[in-house]
Amino acid sequence: MIALLEFLMMICFIFLIVTRKMSALLALIIIPLFFAIIRGFAEDVGQMVLNGIVGVAPTGIM
């Protein structure tokens, strides 16, 4: 089930970028968030976002 959802997420991501319905940056934020909520991680999404920002922030500062 998880693999199927991830495959569908990639198809949605590629479709939205190729057809220019969504910018790449916006698609990288919205599509995984949408699929995480569908998968049932709605209450964990906030902590996942914070962990991601903490992991990427030092690179962004450079």
PDB file of N, CA and C in Angstrom:
ATOM      1  N   MET A   1       0.815  -1.186   0.000  1.00  0.00           N
ATOM      2  CA  MET A   1       0.000   0.000   0.000  1.00  0.00           C
ATOM      3  C   MET A   1       0.866   1.261   0.000  1.00  0.00           C
ATOM      4  N   ILE A   2       1.913   1.263   0.832  1.00  0.00           N
ATOM      5  CA  ILE A   2       2.795   2.432   0.894  1.00  0.00           C
ATOM      6  C   ILE A   2       3.498   2.631  -0.437  1.00  0.00           C
ATOM      7  N   ALA A   3       3.980   1.547  -1.033  1.00  0.00           N
ATOM      8  CA  ALA A   3       4.679   1.664  -2.321  1.00  0.00           C
ATOM      9  C   ALA A   3       3.740   2.194  -3.403  1.00  0.00           C
ATOM     10  N   LEU A   4       2.503   1.768  -3.385  1.00  0.00           N
ATOM     11  CA  LEU A   4       1.527   2.241  -4.371  1.00  0.00           C
ATOM     12  C   LEU A   4       1.274   3.737  -4.198  1.00  0.00           C
ATOM     13  N   LEU A   5       1.109   4.177  -2.954  1.00  0.00           N
ATOM     14  CA  LEU A   5       0.896   5.604  -2.707  1.00  0.00           C
ATOM     15  C   LEU A   5       2.108   6.436  -3.120  1.00  0.00           C
ATOM     16  N   GLU A   6       3.290   5.936  -2.860  1.00  0.00           N
ATOM     17  CA  GLU A   6       4.500   6.661  -3.256  1.00  0.00           C
ATOM     18  C   GLU A   6       4.632   6.717  -4.777  1.00  0.00           C
ATOM     19  N   PHE A   7       4.263   5.650  -5.449  1.00  0.00           N
ATOM     20  CA  PHE A   7       4.281   5.644  -6.904  1.00  0.00           C
ATOM     21  C   PHE A   7       3.275   6.652  -7.458  1.00  0.00           C
ATOM     22  N   LEU A   8       2.081   6.694  -6.879  1.00  0.00           N
ATOM     23  CA  LEU A   8       1.073   7.674  -7.284  1.00  0.00           C
ATOM     24  C   LEU A   8       1.529   9.102  -6.989  1.00  0.00           C
ATOM     25  N   MET A   9       2.243   9.278  -5.883  1.00  0.00           N
ATOM     26  CA  MET A   9       2.755  10.597  -5.552  1.00  0.00           C
ATOM     27  C   MET A   9       3.751  11.071  -6.615  1.00  0.00           C
ATOM     28  N   MET A  10       4.625  10.198  -7.045  1.00  0.00           N
ATOM     29  CA  MET A  10       5.592  10.565  -8.077  1.00  0.00           C
ATOM     30  C   MET A  10       4.898  10.878  -9.403  1.00  0.00           C
ATOM     31  N   ILE A  11       3.883  10.105  -9.749  1.00  0.00           N
ATOM     32  CA  ILE A  11       3.131  10.366 -10.983  1.00  0.00           C
ATOM     33  C   ILE A  11       2.450  11.729 -10.899  1.00  0.00           C
ATOM     34  N   CYS A  12       1.815  12.022  -9.770  1.00  0.00           N
ATOM     35  CA  CYS A  12       1.169  13.338  -9.592  1.00  0.00           C
ATOM     36  C   CYS A  12       2.195  14.455  -9.670  1.00  0.00           C
ATOM     37  N   PHE A  13       3.317  14.270  -9.018  1.00  0.00           N
ATOM     38  CA  PHE A  13       4.371  15.272  -9.019  1.00  0.00           C
ATOM     39  C   PHE A  13       4.859  15.552 -10.440  1.00  0.00           C
ATOM     40  N   ILE A  14       5.173  14.511 -11.178  1.00  0.00           N
ATOM     41  CA  ILE A  14       5.672  14.680 -12.550  1.00  0.00           C
ATOM     42  C   ILE A  14       4.597  15.295 -13.442  1.00  0.00           C
ATOM     43  N   PHE A  15       3.369  14.840 -13.313  1.00  0.00           N
ATOM     44  CA  PHE A  15       2.279  15.377 -14.139  1.00  0.00           C
ATOM     45  C   PHE A  15       2.087  16.873 -13.896  1.00  0.00           C
ATOM     46  N   LEU A  16       2.053  17.270 -12.627  1.00  0.00           N
ATOM     47  CA  LEU A  16       1.823  18.680 -12.312  1.00  0.00           C
ATOM     48  C   LEU A  16       2.979  19.571 -12.770  1.00  0.00           C
ATOM     49  N   ILE A  17       4.186  19.049 -12.740  1.00  0.00           N
ATOM     50  CA  ILE A  17       5.338  19.845 -13.177  1.00  0.00           C
ATOM     51  C   ILE A  17       5.382  19.932 -14.700  1.00  0.00           C
ATOM     52  N   VAL A  18       5.177  18.812 -15.370  1.00  0.00           N
ATOM     53  CA  VAL A  18       5.274  18.793 -16.834  1.00  0.00           C
ATOM     54  C   VAL A  18       4.164  19.617 -17.475  1.00  0.00           C
ATOM     55  N   THR A  19       2.972  19.547 -16.924  1.00  0.00           N
ATOM     56  CA  THR A  19       1.859  20.314 -17.499  1.00  0.00           C
ATOM     57  C   THR A  19       1.844  21.761 -17.014  1.00  0.00           C
ATOM     58  N   ARG A  20       2.823  22.134 -16.185  1.00  0.00           N
ATOM     59  CA  ARG A  20       2.971  23.505 -15.656  1.00  0.00           C
ATOM     60  C   ARG A  20       1.751  23.969 -14.866  1.00  0.00           C
ATOM     61  N   LYS A  21       1.108  23.031 -14.190  1.00  0.00           N
ATOM     62  CA  LYS A  21      -0.018  23.377 -13.324  1.00  0.00           C
ATOM     63  C   LYS A  21       0.471  23.843 -11.954  1.00  0.00           C
ATOM     64  N   MET A  22       1.724  23.482 -11.620  1.00  0.00           N
ATOM     65  CA  MET A  22       2.279  23.840 -10.323  1.00  0.00           C
ATOM     66  C   MET A  22       3.793  23.992 -10.476  1.00  0.00           C
ATOM     67  N   SER A  23       4.356  24.945  -9.770  1.00  0.00           N
ATOM     68  CA  SER A  23       5.810  25.109  -9.822  1.00  0.00           C
ATOM     69  C   SER A  23       6.475  23.956  -9.075  1.00  0.00           C
ATOM     70  N   ALA A  24       7.743  23.720  -9.379  1.00  0.00           N
ATOM     71  CA  ALA A  24       8.461  22.606  -8.760  1.00  0.00           C
ATOM     72  C   ALA A  24       8.563  22.789  -7.246  1.00  0.00           C
ATOM     73  N   LEU A  25       8.844  23.995  -6.804  1.00  0.00           N
ATOM     74  CA  LEU A  25       8.981  24.243  -5.365  1.00  0.00           C
ATOM     75  C   LEU A  25       7.667  23.994  -4.632  1.00  0.00           C
ATOM     76  N   LEU A  26       6.597  24.495  -5.186  1.00  0.00           N
ATOM     77  CA  LEU A  26       5.292  24.299  -4.567  1.00  0.00           C
ATOM     78  C   LEU A  26       4.889  22.820  -4.581  1.00  0.00           C
ATOM     79  N   ALA A  27       5.184  22.134  -5.685  1.00  0.00           N
ATOM     80  CA  ALA A  27       4.855  20.710  -5.775  1.00  0.00           C
ATOM     81  C   ALA A  27       5.654  19.891  -4.765  1.00  0.00           C
ATOM     82  N   LEU A  28       6.919  20.273  -4.524  1.00  0.00           N
ATOM     83  CA  LEU A  28       7.732  19.554  -3.543  1.00  0.00           C
ATOM     84  C   LEU A  28       7.205  19.734  -2.121  1.00  0.00           C
ATOM     85  N   ILE A  29       6.445  20.777  -1.884  1.00  0.00           N
ATOM     86  CA  ILE A  29       5.875  21.011  -0.553  1.00  0.00           C
ATOM     87  C   ILE A  29       4.485  20.398  -0.438  1.00  0.00           C
ATOM     88  N   ILE A  30       3.619  20.669  -1.399  1.00  0.00           N
ATOM     89  CA  ILE A  30       2.202  20.311  -1.297  1.00  0.00           C
ATOM     90  C   ILE A  30       1.935  18.824  -1.508  1.00  0.00           C
ATOM     91  N   ILE A  31       2.521  18.237  -2.538  1.00  0.00           N
ATOM     92  CA  ILE A  31       2.218  16.840  -2.895  1.00  0.00           C
ATOM     93  C   ILE A  31       2.602  15.867  -1.769  1.00  0.00           C
ATOM     94  N   PRO A  32       3.829  15.904  -1.220  1.00  0.00           N
ATOM     95  CA  PRO A  32       4.129  14.984  -0.113  1.00  0.00           C
ATOM     96  C   PRO A  32       3.267  15.228   1.122  1.00  0.00           C
ATOM     97  N   LEU A  33       2.940  16.492   1.394  1.00  0.00           N
ATOM     98  CA  LEU A  33       2.073  16.806   2.520  1.00  0.00           C
ATOM     99  C   LEU A  33       0.693  16.180   2.332  1.00  0.00           C
ATOM    100  N   PHE A  34       0.151  16.316   1.141  1.00  0.00           N
ATOM    101  CA  PHE A  34      -1.150  15.740   0.811  1.00  0.00           C
ATOM    102  C   PHE A  34      -1.139  14.217   0.979  1.00  0.00           C
ATOM    103  N   PHE A  35      -0.106  13.560   0.464  1.00  0.00           N
ATOM    104  CA  PHE A  35      -0.047  12.107   0.555  1.00  0.00           C
ATOM    105  C   PHE A  35       0.251  11.629   1.981  1.00  0.00           C
ATOM    106  N   ALA A  36       0.973  12.416   2.767  1.00  0.00           N
ATOM    107  CA  ALA A  36       1.191  12.055   4.174  1.00  0.00           C
ATOM    108  C   ALA A  36      -0.121  12.089   4.948  1.00  0.00           C
ATOM    109  N   ILE A  37      -0.952  13.077   4.645  1.00  0.00           N
ATOM    110  CA  ILE A  37      -2.252  13.164   5.310  1.00  0.00           C
ATOM    111  C   ILE A  37      -3.146  12.005   4.879  1.00  0.00           C
ATOM    112  N   ILE A  38      -3.116  11.655   3.584  1.00  0.00           N
ATOM    113  CA  ILE A  38      -3.900  10.514   3.106  1.00  0.00           C
ATOM    114  C   ILE A  38      -3.447   9.228   3.797  1.00  0.00           C
ATOM    115  N   ARG A  39      -2.140   9.068   3.974  1.00  0.00           N
ATOM    116  CA  ARG A  39      -1.594   7.842   4.549  1.00  0.00           C
ATOM    117  C   ARG A  39      -1.911   7.705   6.041  1.00  0.00           C
ATOM    118  N   GLY A  40      -2.275   8.827   6.696  1.00  0.00           N
ATOM    119  CA  GLY A  40      -2.640   8.742   8.096  1.00  0.00           C
ATOM    120  C   GLY A  40      -1.620   9.341   9.035  1.00  0.00           C
ATOM    121  N   PHE A  41      -0.689  10.117   8.509  1.00  0.00           N
ATOM    122  CA  PHE A  41       0.327  10.749   9.332  1.00  0.00           C
ATOM    123  C   PHE A  41      -0.033  12.194   9.671  1.00  0.00           C
ATOM    124  N   ALA A  42      -1.312  12.523   9.692  1.00  0.00           N
ATOM    125  CA  ALA A  42      -1.751  13.912   9.885  1.00  0.00           C
ATOM    126  C   ALA A  42      -1.233  14.492  11.201  1.00  0.00           C
ATOM    127  N   GLU A  43      -1.256  13.726  12.279  1.00  0.00           N
ATOM    128  CA  GLU A  43      -0.802  14.269  13.552  1.00  0.00           C
ATOM    129  C   GLU A  43       0.718  14.318  13.667  1.00  0.00           C
ATOM    130  N   ASP A  44       1.434  13.602  12.801  1.00  0.00           N
ATOM    131  CA  ASP A  44       2.895  13.587  12.844  1.00  0.00           C
ATOM    132  C   ASP A  44       3.531  14.552  11.850  1.00  0.00           C
ATOM    133  N   VAL A  45       2.748  15.148  10.972  1.00  0.00           N
ATOM    134  CA  VAL A  45       3.296  15.987   9.906  1.00  0.00           C
ATOM    135  C   VAL A  45       4.048  17.186  10.472  1.00  0.00           C
ATOM    136  N   GLY A  46       3.524  17.816  11.492  1.00  0.00           N
ATOM    137  CA  GLY A  46       4.191  18.978  12.077  1.00  0.00           C
ATOM    138  C   GLY A  46       5.580  18.650  12.583  1.00  0.00           C
ATOM    139  N   GLN A  47       5.705  17.556  13.307  1.00  0.00           N
ATOM    140  CA  GLN A  47       7.021  17.150  13.816  1.00  0.00           C
ATOM    141  C   GLN A  47       7.952  16.756  12.673  1.00  0.00           C
ATOM    142  N   MET A  48       7.421  16.114  11.645  1.00  0.00           N
ATOM    143  CA  MET A  48       8.250  15.763  10.483  1.00  0.00           C
ATOM    144  C   MET A  48       8.784  17.009   9.794  1.00  0.00           C
ATOM    145  N   VAL A  49       7.944  18.032   9.666  1.00  0.00           N
ATOM    146  CA  VAL A  49       8.364  19.288   9.038  1.00  0.00           C
ATOM    147  C   VAL A  49       9.458  19.942   9.871  1.00  0.00           C
ATOM    148  N   LEU A  50       9.279  19.996  11.179  1.00  0.00           N
ATOM    149  CA  LEU A  50      10.297  20.596  12.039  1.00  0.00           C
ATOM    150  C   LEU A  50      11.618  19.844  11.970  1.00  0.00           C
ATOM    151  N   ASN A  51      11.562  18.521  11.953  1.00  0.00           N
ATOM    152  CA  ASN A  51      12.791  17.732  11.826  1.00  0.00           C
ATOM    153  C   ASN A  51      13.481  17.995  10.491  1.00  0.00           C
ATOM    154  N   GLY A  52      12.702  18.143   9.439  1.00  0.00           N
ATOM    155  CA  GLY A  52      13.275  18.444   8.130  1.00  0.00           C
ATOM    156  C   GLY A  52      13.925  19.808   8.083  1.00  0.00           C
ATOM    157  N   ILE A  53      13.279  20.794   8.697  1.00  0.00           N
ATOM    158  CA  ILE A  53      13.850  22.150   8.715  1.00  0.00           C
ATOM    159  C   ILE A  53      15.142  22.169   9.530  1.00  0.00           C
ATOM    160  N   VAL A  54      15.146  21.483  10.668  1.00  0.00           N
ATOM    161  CA  VAL A  54      16.352  21.422  11.481  1.00  0.00           C
ATOM    162  C   VAL A  54      17.490  20.741  10.724  1.00  0.00           C
ATOM    163  N   GLY A  55      17.171  19.732   9.924  1.00  0.00           N
ATOM    164  CA  GLY A  55      18.193  19.031   9.151  1.00  0.00           C
ATOM    165  C   GLY A  55      18.726  19.827   7.983  1.00  0.00           C
ATOM    166  N   VAL A  56      17.911  20.695   7.402  1.00  0.00           N
ATOM    167  CA  VAL A  56      18.295  21.430   6.194  1.00  0.00           C
ATOM    168  C   VAL A  56      18.799  22.842   6.514  1.00  0.00           C
ATOM    169  N   ALA A  57      18.427  23.390   7.653  1.00  0.00           N
ATOM    170  CA  ALA A  57      18.770  24.775   8.008  1.00  0.00           C
ATOM    171  C   ALA A  57      20.267  25.076   7.934  1.00  0.00           C
ATOM    172  N   PRO A  58      21.136  24.222   8.452  1.00  0.00           N
ATOM    173  CA  PRO A  58      22.568  24.544   8.366  1.00  0.00           C
ATOM    174  C   PRO A  58      23.064  24.669   6.923  1.00  0.00           C
ATOM    175  N   THR A  59      22.547  23.861   6.039  1.00  0.00           N
ATOM    176  CA  THR A  59      22.934  23.954   4.632  1.00  0.00           C
ATOM    177  C   THR A  59      22.375  25.224   4.010  1.00  0.00           C
ATOM    178  N   GLY A  60      21.170  25.598   4.376  1.00  0.00           N
ATOM    179  CA  GLY A  60      20.557  26.823   3.852  1.00  0.00           C
ATOM    180  C   GLY A  60      21.288  28.064   4.316  1.00  0.00           C
ATOM    181  N   ILE A  61      21.844  28.029   5.497  1.00  0.00           N
ATOM    182  CA  ILE A  61      22.584  29.183   6.021  1.00  0.00           C
ATOM    183  C   ILE A  61      23.871  29.402   5.234  1.00  0.00           C
ATOM    184  N   MET A  62      24.510  28.306   4.830  1.00  0.00           N
ATOM    185  CA  MET A  62      25.759  28.445   4.066  1.00  0.00           C
ATOM    186  C   MET A  62      25.472  29.107   2.755  1.00  0.00           C
TER     187      MET A  62
END
